[in-house]
Amino acid sequence: MQIRLARPEMLQTGPTPEEQELVGRHFAYWSDLAAQGVALVVGRTQVTENPIGLAIFQASSEEVAKKIVDGDPAVGKVFISELAPYYVALLGDPEPFRPTD
């Protein structure tokens, strides 16, 4: 799933109290899915112009995937989502990334 801000100017003006509350619920939602092993990778790009959020998660069908996306309390309000099936062709070491010098 890819998400973008529904109101891009939020980056300059800051979130409204409602947006801030929804973003907190969004984070809690995906944290719970990660703890359950459903969400594998969740984060956002670290650019200031047109940032995107990405969530790679497991679902048994496209219908289940849509339910997961629709369950995000911020989608359709703070974020606009785009769902696309993804096939993992290669997977690196599952150990946490450890940067080296």
PDB file of N, CA and C in Angstrom:
ATOM      1  N   MET A   1       0.846  -1.163   0.000  1.00  0.00           N
ATOM      2  CA  MET A   1       0.000   0.000   0.000  1.00  0.00           C
ATOM      3  C   MET A   1       0.892   1.227   0.000  1.00  0.00           C
ATOM      4  N   GLN A   2       0.504   2.191  -0.793  1.00  0.00           N
ATOM      5  CA  GLN A   2       1.178   3.486  -0.816  1.00  0.00           C
ATOM      6  C   GLN A   2       0.174   4.530  -0.342  1.00  0.00           C
ATOM      7  N   ILE A   3       0.632   5.458   0.484  1.00  0.00           N
ATOM      8  CA  ILE A   3      -0.251   6.550   0.900  1.00  0.00           C
ATOM      9  C   ILE A   3       0.434   7.889   0.649  1.00  0.00           C
ATOM     10  N   ARG A   4      -0.405   8.874   0.394  1.00  0.00           N
ATOM     11  CA  ARG A   4       0.024  10.266   0.230  1.00  0.00           C
ATOM     12  C   ARG A   4      -0.879  11.130   1.086  1.00  0.00           C
ATOM     13  N   LEU A   5      -0.392  12.306   1.399  1.00  0.00           N
ATOM     14  CA  LEU A   5      -1.212  13.228   2.181  1.00  0.00           C
ATOM     15  C   LEU A   5      -2.398  13.719   1.360  1.00  0.00           C
ATOM     16  N   ALA A   6      -3.563  13.708   1.960  1.00  0.00           N
ATOM     17  CA  ALA A   6      -4.751  14.256   1.300  1.00  0.00           C
ATOM     18  C   ALA A   6      -4.648  15.776   1.252  1.00  0.00           C
ATOM     19  N   ARG A   7      -3.963  16.338   2.224  1.00  0.00           N
ATOM     20  CA  ARG A   7      -3.782  17.795   2.309  1.00  0.00           C
ATOM     21  C   ARG A   7      -2.280  18.074   2.421  1.00  0.00           C
ATOM     22  N   PRO A   8      -1.578  18.143   1.273  1.00  0.00           N
ATOM     23  CA  PRO A   8      -0.118  18.302   1.294  1.00  0.00           C
ATOM     24  C   PRO A   8       0.375  19.519   2.076  1.00  0.00           C
ATOM     25  N   GLU A   9      -0.417  20.572   2.131  1.00  0.00           N
ATOM     26  CA  GLU A   9       0.013  21.762   2.872  1.00  0.00           C
ATOM     27  C   GLU A   9       0.142  21.500   4.371  1.00  0.00           C
ATOM     28  N   MET A  10      -0.324  20.347   4.818  1.00  0.00           N
ATOM     29  CA  MET A  10      -0.174  19.969   6.223  1.00  0.00           C
ATOM     30  C   MET A  10       1.302  19.989   6.634  1.00  0.00           C
ATOM     31  N   LEU A  11       2.195  19.728   5.666  1.00  0.00           N
ATOM     32  CA  LEU A  11       3.627  19.743   5.974  1.00  0.00           C
ATOM     33  C   LEU A  11       4.118  21.137   6.343  1.00  0.00           C
ATOM     34  N   GLN A  12       3.510  22.165   5.766  1.00  0.00           N
ATOM     35  CA  GLN A  12       3.920  23.537   6.073  1.00  0.00           C
ATOM     36  C   GLN A  12       3.121  24.140   7.234  1.00  0.00           C
ATOM     37  N   THR A  13       1.830  23.844   7.279  1.00  0.00           N
ATOM     38  CA  THR A  13       0.968  24.469   8.284  1.00  0.00           C
ATOM     39  C   THR A  13       0.827  23.646   9.549  1.00  0.00           C
ATOM     40  N   GLY A  14       1.211  22.384   9.469  1.00  0.00           N
ATOM     41  CA  GLY A  14       1.027  21.485  10.598  1.00  0.00           C
ATOM     42  C   GLY A  14      -0.346  20.845  10.550  1.00  0.00           C
ATOM     43  N   PRO A  15      -0.504  19.746  11.250  1.00  0.00           N
ATOM     44  CA  PRO A  15      -1.787  19.058  11.241  1.00  0.00           C
ATOM     45  C   PRO A  15      -2.823  19.760  12.114  1.00  0.00           C
ATOM     46  N   THR A  16      -4.074  19.613  11.728  1.00  0.00           N
ATOM     47  CA  THR A  16      -5.161  20.079  12.592  1.00  0.00           C
ATOM     48  C   THR A  16      -5.240  19.115  13.776  1.00  0.00           C
ATOM     49  N   PRO A  17      -5.942  19.472  14.830  1.00  0.00           N
ATOM     50  CA  PRO A  17      -6.091  18.525  15.943  1.00  0.00           C
ATOM     51  C   PRO A  17      -6.715  17.195  15.492  1.00  0.00           C
ATOM     52  N   GLU A  18      -7.687  17.240  14.584  1.00  0.00           N
ATOM     53  CA  GLU A  18      -8.302  16.003  14.086  1.00  0.00           C
ATOM     54  C   GLU A  18      -7.289  15.163  13.303  1.00  0.00           C
ATOM     55  N   GLU A  19      -6.492  15.818  12.447  1.00  0.00           N
ATOM     56  CA  GLU A  19      -5.471  15.095  11.685  1.00  0.00           C
ATOM     57  C   GLU A  19      -4.443  14.470  12.617  1.00  0.00           C
ATOM     58  N   GLN A  20      -4.036  15.215  13.621  1.00  0.00           N
ATOM     59  CA  GLN A  20      -3.042  14.707  14.565  1.00  0.00           C
ATOM     60  C   GLN A  20      -3.568  13.459  15.285  1.00  0.00           C
ATOM     61  N   GLU A  21      -4.825  13.507  15.674  1.00  0.00           N
ATOM     62  CA  GLU A  21      -5.433  12.368  16.360  1.00  0.00           C
ATOM     63  C   GLU A  21      -5.523  11.165  15.417  1.00  0.00           C
ATOM     64  N   LEU A  22      -5.907  11.404  14.169  1.00  0.00           N
ATOM     65  CA  LEU A  22      -6.018  10.322  13.195  1.00  0.00           C
ATOM     66  C   LEU A  22      -4.659   9.713  12.859  1.00  0.00           C
ATOM     67  N   VAL A  23      -3.622  10.529  12.771  1.00  0.00           N
ATOM     68  CA  VAL A  23      -2.276  10.019  12.508  1.00  0.00           C
ATOM     69  C   VAL A  23      -1.819   9.138  13.677  1.00  0.00           C
ATOM     70  N   GLY A  24      -2.156   9.521  14.894  1.00  0.00           N
ATOM     71  CA  GLY A  24      -1.837   8.686  16.058  1.00  0.00           C
ATOM     72  C   GLY A  24      -2.548   7.345  16.001  1.00  0.00           C
ATOM     73  N   ARG A  25      -3.806   7.364  15.608  1.00  0.00           N
ATOM     74  CA  ARG A  25      -4.570   6.116  15.464  1.00  0.00           C
ATOM     75  C   ARG A  25      -4.025   5.277  14.312  1.00  0.00           C
ATOM     76  N   HIS A  26      -3.607   5.932  13.221  1.00  0.00           N
ATOM     77  CA  HIS A  26      -2.989   5.259  12.080  1.00  0.00           C
ATOM     78  C   HIS A  26      -1.731   4.511  12.539  1.00  0.00           C
ATOM     79  N   PHE A  27      -0.880   5.195  13.303  1.00  0.00           N
ATOM     80  CA  PHE A  27       0.355   4.578  13.783  1.00  0.00           C
ATOM     81  C   PHE A  27       0.040   3.385  14.694  1.00  0.00           C
ATOM     82  N   ALA A  28      -0.924   3.537  15.577  1.00  0.00           N
ATOM     83  CA  ALA A  28      -1.298   2.452  16.487  1.00  0.00           C
ATOM     84  C   ALA A  28      -1.858   1.262  15.702  1.00  0.00           C
ATOM     85  N   TYR A  29      -2.631   1.531  14.667  1.00  0.00           N
ATOM     86  CA  TYR A  29      -3.217   0.480  13.824  1.00  0.00           C
ATOM     87  C   TYR A  29      -2.122  -0.356  13.175  1.00  0.00           C
ATOM     88  N   TRP A  30      -1.151   0.321  12.541  1.00  0.00           N
ATOM     89  CA  TRP A  30      -0.084  -0.406  11.858  1.00  0.00           C
ATOM     90  C   TRP A  30       0.891  -1.035  12.850  1.00  0.00           C
ATOM     91  N   SER A  31       1.073  -0.432  14.008  1.00  0.00           N
ATOM     92  CA  SER A  31       1.903  -1.053  15.051  1.00  0.00           C
ATOM     93  C   SER A  31       1.305  -2.378  15.487  1.00  0.00           C
ATOM     94  N   ASP A  32      -0.011  -2.404  15.640  1.00  0.00           N
ATOM     95  CA  ASP A  32      -0.700  -3.628  16.024  1.00  0.00           C
ATOM     96  C   ASP A  32      -0.558  -4.694  14.933  1.00  0.00           C
ATOM     97  N   LEU A  33      -0.729  -4.285  13.663  1.00  0.00           N
ATOM     98  CA  LEU A  33      -0.572  -5.238  12.561  1.00  0.00           C
ATOM     99  C   LEU A  33       0.859  -5.767  12.481  1.00  0.00           C
ATOM    100  N   ALA A  34       1.840  -4.932  12.785  1.00  0.00           N
ATOM    101  CA  ALA A  34       3.237  -5.394  12.800  1.00  0.00           C
ATOM    102  C   ALA A  34       3.451  -6.390  13.939  1.00  0.00           C
ATOM    103  N   ALA A  35       2.883  -6.112  15.096  1.00  0.00           N
ATOM    104  CA  ALA A  35       3.023  -7.021  16.236  1.00  0.00           C
ATOM    105  C   ALA A  35       2.376  -8.376  15.943  1.00  0.00           C
ATOM    106  N   GLN A  36       1.324  -8.383  15.136  1.00  0.00           N
ATOM    107  CA  GLN A  36       0.639  -9.619  14.759  1.00  0.00           C
ATOM    108  C   GLN A  36       1.375 -10.371  13.638  1.00  0.00           C
ATOM    109  N   GLY A  37       2.367  -9.727  13.030  1.00  0.00           N
ATOM    110  CA  GLY A  37       3.086 -10.341  11.920  1.00  0.00           C
ATOM    111  C   GLY A  37       2.415 -10.134  10.577  1.00  0.00           C
ATOM    112  N   VAL A  38       1.372  -9.312  10.531  1.00  0.00           N
ATOM    113  CA  VAL A  38       0.679  -9.027   9.269  1.00  0.00           C
ATOM    114  C   VAL A  38       1.454  -7.982   8.477  1.00  0.00           C
ATOM    115  N   ALA A  39       1.799  -6.885   9.119  1.00  0.00           N
ATOM    116  CA  ALA A  39       2.583  -5.822   8.476  1.00  0.00           C
ATOM    117  C   ALA A  39       4.055  -6.185   8.583  1.00  0.00           C
ATOM    118  N   LEU A  40       4.730  -6.171   7.444  1.00  0.00           N
ATOM    119  CA  LEU A  40       6.145  -6.543   7.409  1.00  0.00           C
ATOM    120  C   LEU A  40       7.056  -5.332   7.430  1.00  0.00           C
ATOM    121  N   VAL A  41       6.684  -4.293   6.678  1.00  0.00           N
ATOM    122  CA  VAL A  41       7.471  -3.063   6.587  1.00  0.00           C
ATOM    123  C   VAL A  41       6.480  -1.901   6.509  1.00  0.00           C
ATOM    124  N   VAL A  42       6.659  -0.924   7.371  1.00  0.00           N
ATOM    125  CA  VAL A  42       5.796   0.255   7.363  1.00  0.00           C
ATOM    126  C   VAL A  42       6.681   1.470   7.602  1.00  0.00           C
ATOM    127  N   GLY A  43       6.536   2.489   6.777  1.00  0.00           N
ATOM    128  CA  GLY A  43       7.337   3.694   6.969  1.00  0.00           C
ATOM    129  C   GLY A  43       7.020   4.734   5.918  1.00  0.00           C
ATOM    130  N   ARG A  44       7.874   5.742   5.866  1.00  0.00           N
ATOM    131  CA  ARG A  44       7.670   6.804   4.882  1.00  0.00           C
ATOM    132  C   ARG A  44       9.000   7.303   4.371  1.00  0.00           C
ATOM    133  N   THR A  45       8.937   7.904   3.197  1.00  0.00           N
ATOM    134  CA  THR A  45      10.151   8.493   2.652  1.00  0.00           C
ATOM    135  C   THR A  45      10.529   9.702   3.493  1.00  0.00           C
ATOM    136  N   GLN A  46      11.802  10.023   3.504  1.00  0.00           N
ATOM    137  CA  GLN A  46      12.301  11.123   4.328  1.00  0.00           C
ATOM    138  C   GLN A  46      12.581  12.367   3.487  1.00  0.00           C
ATOM    139  N   VAL A  47      11.695  12.652   2.568  1.00  0.00           N
ATOM    140  CA  VAL A  47      11.804  13.853   1.746  1.00  0.00           C
ATOM    141  C   VAL A  47      10.746  14.838   2.209  1.00  0.00           C
ATOM    142  N   THR A  48      11.007  16.123   1.986  1.00  0.00           N
ATOM    143  CA  THR A  48      10.056  17.133   2.439  1.00  0.00           C
ATOM    144  C   THR A  48       9.008  17.476   1.393  1.00  0.00           C
ATOM    145  N   GLU A  49       9.294  17.183   0.120  1.00  0.00           N
ATOM    146  CA  GLU A  49       8.317  17.431  -0.930  1.00  0.00           C
ATOM    147  C   GLU A  49       7.735  16.121  -1.419  1.00  0.00           C
ATOM    148  N   ASN A  50       6.432  16.040  -1.384  1.00  0.00           N
ATOM    149  CA  ASN A  50       5.704  14.860  -1.861  1.00  0.00           C
ATOM    150  C   ASN A  50       6.151  13.551  -1.206  1.00  0.00           C
ATOM    151  N   PRO A  51       6.196  13.513   0.125  1.00  0.00           N
ATOM    152  CA  PRO A  51       6.572  12.251   0.766  1.00  0.00           C
ATOM    153  C   PRO A  51       5.491  11.193   0.532  1.00  0.00           C
ATOM    154  N   ILE A  52       5.898   9.946   0.563  1.00  0.00           N
ATOM    155  CA  ILE A  52       4.939   8.849   0.473  1.00  0.00           C
ATOM    156  C   ILE A  52       5.177   7.884   1.621  1.00  0.00           C
ATOM    157  N   GLY A  53       4.115   7.262   2.037  1.00  0.00           N
ATOM    158  CA  GLY A  53       4.203   6.199   3.024  1.00  0.00           C
ATOM    159  C   GLY A  53       4.016   4.877   2.322  1.00  0.00           C
ATOM    160  N   LEU A  54       4.679   3.852   2.832  1.00  0.00           N
ATOM    161  CA  LEU A  54       4.562   2.514   2.265  1.00  0.00           C
ATOM    162  C   LEU A  54       4.280   1.513   3.378  1.00  0.00           C
ATOM    163  N   ALA A  55       3.422   0.571   3.071  1.00  0.00           N
ATOM    164  CA  ALA A  55       3.186  -0.544   3.979  1.00  0.00           C
ATOM    165  C   ALA A  55       3.185  -1.811   3.134  1.00  0.00           C
ATOM    166  N   ILE A  56       4.049  -2.719   3.486  1.00  0.00           N
ATOM    167  CA  ILE A  56       4.072  -4.020   2.848  1.00  0.00           C
ATOM    168  C   ILE A  56       3.548  -5.000   3.893  1.00  0.00           C
ATOM    169  N   PHE A  57       2.459  -5.654   3.544  1.00  0.00           N
ATOM    170  CA  PHE A  57       1.808  -6.532   4.504  1.00  0.00           C
ATOM    171  C   PHE A  57       1.313  -7.789   3.812  1.00  0.00           C
ATOM    172  N   GLN A  58       1.012  -8.788   4.618  1.00  0.00           N
ATOM    173  CA  GLN A  58       0.540 -10.065   4.102  1.00  0.00           C
ATOM    174  C   GLN A  58      -0.985 -10.112   4.145  1.00  0.00           C
ATOM    175  N   ALA A  59      -1.577 -10.597   3.062  1.00  0.00           N
ATOM    176  CA  ALA A  59      -3.025 -10.796   3.007  1.00  0.00           C
ATOM    177  C   ALA A  59      -3.300 -12.006   2.130  1.00  0.00           C
ATOM    178  N   SER A  60      -4.300 -12.762   2.482  1.00  0.00           N
ATOM    179  CA  SER A  60      -4.606 -13.988   1.743  1.00  0.00           C
ATOM    180  C   SER A  60      -5.323 -13.739   0.424  1.00  0.00           C
ATOM    181  N   SER A  61      -5.858 -12.542   0.253  1.00  0.00           N
ATOM    182  CA  SER A  61      -6.555 -12.202  -0.983  1.00  0.00           C
ATOM    183  C   SER A  61      -6.608 -10.683  -1.124  1.00  0.00           C
ATOM    184  N   GLU A  62      -6.978 -10.233  -2.303  1.00  0.00           N
ATOM    185  CA  GLU A  62      -7.116  -8.786  -2.509  1.00  0.00           C
ATOM    186  C   GLU A  62      -8.250  -8.235  -1.646  1.00  0.00           C
ATOM    187  N   GLU A  63      -9.287  -9.016  -1.452  1.00  0.00           N
ATOM    188  CA  GLU A  63     -10.405  -8.587  -0.601  1.00  0.00           C
ATOM    189  C   GLU A  63      -9.930  -8.352   0.838  1.00  0.00           C
ATOM    190  N   VAL A  64      -9.129  -9.261   1.350  1.00  0.00           N
ATOM    191  CA  VAL A  64      -8.581  -9.114   2.708  1.00  0.00           C
ATOM    192  C   VAL A  64      -7.659  -7.896   2.756  1.00  0.00           C
ATOM    193  N   ALA A  65      -6.840  -7.714   1.727  1.00  0.00           N
ATOM    194  CA  ALA A  65      -5.942  -6.557   1.677  1.00  0.00           C
ATOM    195  C   ALA A  65      -6.744  -5.255   1.710  1.00  0.00           C
ATOM    196  N   LYS A  66      -7.837  -5.197   0.964  1.00  0.00           N
ATOM    197  CA  LYS A  66      -8.687  -3.992   0.959  1.00  0.00           C
ATOM    198  C   LYS A  66      -9.269  -3.735   2.339  1.00  0.00           C
ATOM    199  N   LYS A  67      -9.649  -4.798   3.036  1.00  0.00           N
ATOM    200  CA  LYS A  67     -10.186  -4.639   4.394  1.00  0.00           C
ATOM    201  C   LYS A  67      -9.121  -4.075   5.336  1.00  0.00           C
ATOM    202  N   ILE A  68      -7.898  -4.539   5.168  1.00  0.00           N
ATOM    203  CA  ILE A  68      -6.804  -4.029   6.005  1.00  0.00           C
ATOM    204  C   ILE A  68      -6.600  -2.544   5.744  1.00  0.00           C
ATOM    205  N   VAL A  69      -6.535  -2.156   4.481  1.00  0.00           N
ATOM    206  CA  VAL A  69      -6.346  -0.741   4.129  1.00  0.00           C
ATOM    207  C   VAL A  69      -7.531   0.088   4.623  1.00  0.00           C
ATOM    208  N   ASP A  70      -8.741  -0.404   4.392  1.00  0.00           N
ATOM    209  CA  ASP A  70      -9.936   0.325   4.813  1.00  0.00           C
ATOM    210  C   ASP A  70     -10.041   0.436   6.333  1.00  0.00           C
ATOM    211  N   GLY A  71      -9.370  -0.465   7.052  1.00  0.00           N
ATOM    212  CA  GLY A  71      -9.376  -0.410   8.510  1.00  0.00           C
ATOM    213  C   GLY A  71      -8.480   0.672   9.086  1.00  0.00           C
ATOM    214  N   ASP A  72      -7.611   1.230   8.263  1.00  0.00           N
ATOM    215  CA  ASP A  72      -6.721   2.312   8.708  1.00  0.00           C
ATOM    216  C   ASP A  72      -7.579   3.551   8.943  1.00  0.00           C
ATOM    217  N   PRO A  73      -7.630   4.047  10.184  1.00  0.00           N
ATOM    218  CA  PRO A  73      -8.523   5.165  10.489  1.00  0.00           C
ATOM    219  C   PRO A  73      -8.173   6.476   9.784  1.00  0.00           C
ATOM    220  N   ALA A  74      -6.964   6.605   9.255  1.00  0.00           N
ATOM    221  CA  ALA A  74      -6.566   7.859   8.608  1.00  0.00           C
ATOM    222  C   ALA A  74      -6.746   7.833   7.093  1.00  0.00           C
ATOM    223  N   VAL A  75      -6.937   6.638   6.515  1.00  0.00           N
ATOM    224  CA  VAL A  75      -7.111   6.530   5.068  1.00  0.00           C
ATOM    225  C   VAL A  75      -8.470   7.119   4.687  1.00  0.00           C
ATOM    226  N   GLY A  76      -8.442   7.969   3.681  1.00  0.00           N
ATOM    227  CA  GLY A  76      -9.657   8.636   3.239  1.00  0.00           C
ATOM    228  C   GLY A  76      -9.911   9.938   3.967  1.00  0.00           C
ATOM    229  N   LYS A  77      -9.098  10.223   4.966  1.00  0.00           N
ATOM    230  CA  LYS A  77      -9.241  11.462   5.734  1.00  0.00           C
ATOM    231  C   LYS A  77      -7.937  12.257   5.671  1.00  0.00           C
ATOM    232  N   VAL A  78      -6.888  11.709   6.255  1.00  0.00           N
ATOM    233  CA  VAL A  78      -5.565  12.347   6.228  1.00  0.00           C
ATOM    234  C   VAL A  78      -4.759  11.851   5.040  1.00  0.00           C
ATOM    235  N   PHE A  79      -4.953  10.595   4.685  1.00  0.00           N
ATOM    236  CA  PHE A  79      -4.175   9.964   3.619  1.00  0.00           C
ATOM    237  C   PHE A  79      -5.063   9.455   2.490  1.00  0.00           C
ATOM    238  N   ILE A  80      -4.514   9.473   1.305  1.00  0.00           N
ATOM    239  CA  ILE A  80      -5.108   8.845   0.134  1.00  0.00           C
ATOM    240  C   ILE A  80      -4.279   7.593  -0.114  1.00  0.00           C
ATOM    241  N   SER A  81      -4.932   6.463  -0.259  1.00  0.00           N
ATOM    242  CA  SER A  81      -4.194   5.202  -0.398  1.00  0.00           C
ATOM    243  C   SER A  81      -4.294   4.645  -1.798  1.00  0.00           C
ATOM    244  N   GLU A  82      -3.287   3.841  -2.127  1.00  0.00           N
ATOM    245  CA  GLU A  82      -3.277   3.085  -3.375  1.00  0.00           C
ATOM    246  C   GLU A  82      -2.773   1.687  -3.047  1.00  0.00           C
ATOM    247  N   LEU A  83      -3.592   0.711  -3.345  1.00  0.00           N
ATOM    248  CA  LEU A  83      -3.259  -0.672  -3.054  1.00  0.00           C
ATOM    249  C   LEU A  83      -2.788  -1.358  -4.331  1.00  0.00           C
ATOM    250  N   ALA A  84      -1.681  -2.068  -4.240  1.00  0.00           N
ATOM    251  CA  ALA A  84      -1.168  -2.812  -5.392  1.00  0.00           C
ATOM    252  C   ALA A  84      -0.601  -4.137  -4.900  1.00  0.00           C
ATOM    253  N   PRO A  85      -1.026  -5.248  -5.494  1.00  0.00           N
ATOM    254  CA  PRO A  85      -0.442  -6.538  -5.109  1.00  0.00           C
ATOM    255  C   PRO A  85       1.071  -6.515  -5.354  1.00  0.00           C
ATOM    256  N   TYR A  86       1.792  -7.220  -4.517  1.00  0.00           N
ATOM    257  CA  TYR A  86       3.248  -7.220  -4.587  1.00  0.00           C
ATOM    258  C   TYR A  86       3.745  -8.647  -4.408  1.00  0.00           C
ATOM    259  N   TYR A  87       4.663  -9.049  -5.254  1.00  0.00           N
ATOM    260  CA  TYR A  87       5.259 -10.370  -5.172  1.00  0.00           C
ATOM    261  C   TYR A  87       6.721 -10.212  -4.777  1.00  0.00           C
ATOM    262  N   VAL A  88       7.144 -10.903  -3.742  1.00  0.00           N
ATOM    263  CA  VAL A  88       8.533 -10.855  -3.297  1.00  0.00           C
ATOM    264  C   VAL A  88       9.349 -11.825  -4.140  1.00  0.00           C
ATOM    265  N   ALA A  89      10.269 -11.287  -4.929  1.00  0.00           N
ATOM    266  CA  ALA A  89      11.133 -12.111  -5.768  1.00  0.00           C
ATOM    267  C   ALA A  89      12.423 -12.471  -5.040  1.00  0.00           C
ATOM    268  N   LEU A  90      12.925 -11.567  -4.222  1.00  0.00           N
ATOM    269  CA  LEU A  90      14.145 -11.796  -3.453  1.00  0.00           C
ATOM    270  C   LEU A  90      13.931 -11.261  -2.045  1.00  0.00           C
ATOM    271  N   LEU A  91      14.508 -11.943  -1.084  1.00  0.00           N
ATOM    272  CA  LEU A  91      14.412 -11.509   0.301  1.00  0.00           C
ATOM    273  C   LEU A  91      15.784 -11.661   0.926  1.00  0.00           C
ATOM    274  N   GLY A  92      16.290 -10.576   1.449  1.00  0.00           N
ATOM    275  CA  GLY A  92      17.603 -10.612   2.079  1.00  0.00           C
ATOM    276  C   GLY A  92      17.546 -11.249   3.456  1.00  0.00           C
ATOM    277  N   ASP A  93      18.613 -11.106   4.195  1.00  0.00           N
ATOM    278  CA  ASP A  93      18.732 -11.632   5.542  1.00  0.00           C
ATOM    279  C   ASP A  93      17.638 -11.035   6.425  1.00  0.00           C
ATOM    280  N   PRO A  94      16.853 -11.864   7.095  1.00  0.00           N
ATOM    281  CA  PRO A  94      15.775 -11.333   7.933  1.00  0.00           C
ATOM    282  C   PRO A  94      16.244 -10.670   9.216  1.00  0.00           C
ATOM    283  N   GLU A  95      17.542 -10.763   9.529  1.00  0.00           N
ATOM    284  CA  GLU A  95      18.058 -10.091  10.716  1.00  0.00           C
ATOM    285  C   GLU A  95      17.942  -8.574  10.531  1.00  0.00           C
ATOM    286  N   PRO A  96      17.766  -7.833  11.630  1.00  0.00           N
ATOM    287  CA  PRO A  96      17.654  -6.368  11.490  1.00  0.00           C
ATOM    288  C   PRO A  96      18.865  -5.773  10.791  1.00  0.00           C
ATOM    289  N   PHE A  97      18.602  -4.748  10.037  1.00  0.00           N
ATOM    290  CA  PHE A  97      19.662  -4.047   9.312  1.00  0.00           C
ATOM    291  C   PHE A  97      20.626  -3.414  10.299  1.00  0.00           C
ATOM    292  N   ARG A  98      21.910  -3.624  10.047  1.00  0.00           N
ATOM    293  CA  ARG A  98      22.949  -3.023  10.883  1.00  0.00           C
ATOM    294  C   ARG A  98      23.889  -2.257   9.974  1.00  0.00           C
ATOM    295  N   PRO A  99      23.779  -0.943   9.987  1.00  0.00           N
ATOM    296  CA  PRO A  99      24.660  -0.150   9.110  1.00  0.00           C
ATOM    297  C   PRO A  99      26.128  -0.386   9.447  1.00  0.00           C
ATOM    298  N   THR A 100      26.971  -0.326   8.425  1.00  0.00           N
ATOM    299  CA  THR A 100      28.404  -0.448   8.632  1.00  0.00           C
ATOM    300  C   THR A 100      29.081   0.814   8.133  1.00  0.00           C
ATOM    301  N   ASP A 101      30.271   1.029   8.597  1.00  0.00           N
ATOM    302  CA  ASP A 101      31.023   2.218   8.173  1.00  0.00           C
ATOM    303  C   ASP A 101      31.656   2.007   6.835  1.00  0.00           C
TER     304      ASP A 101
END
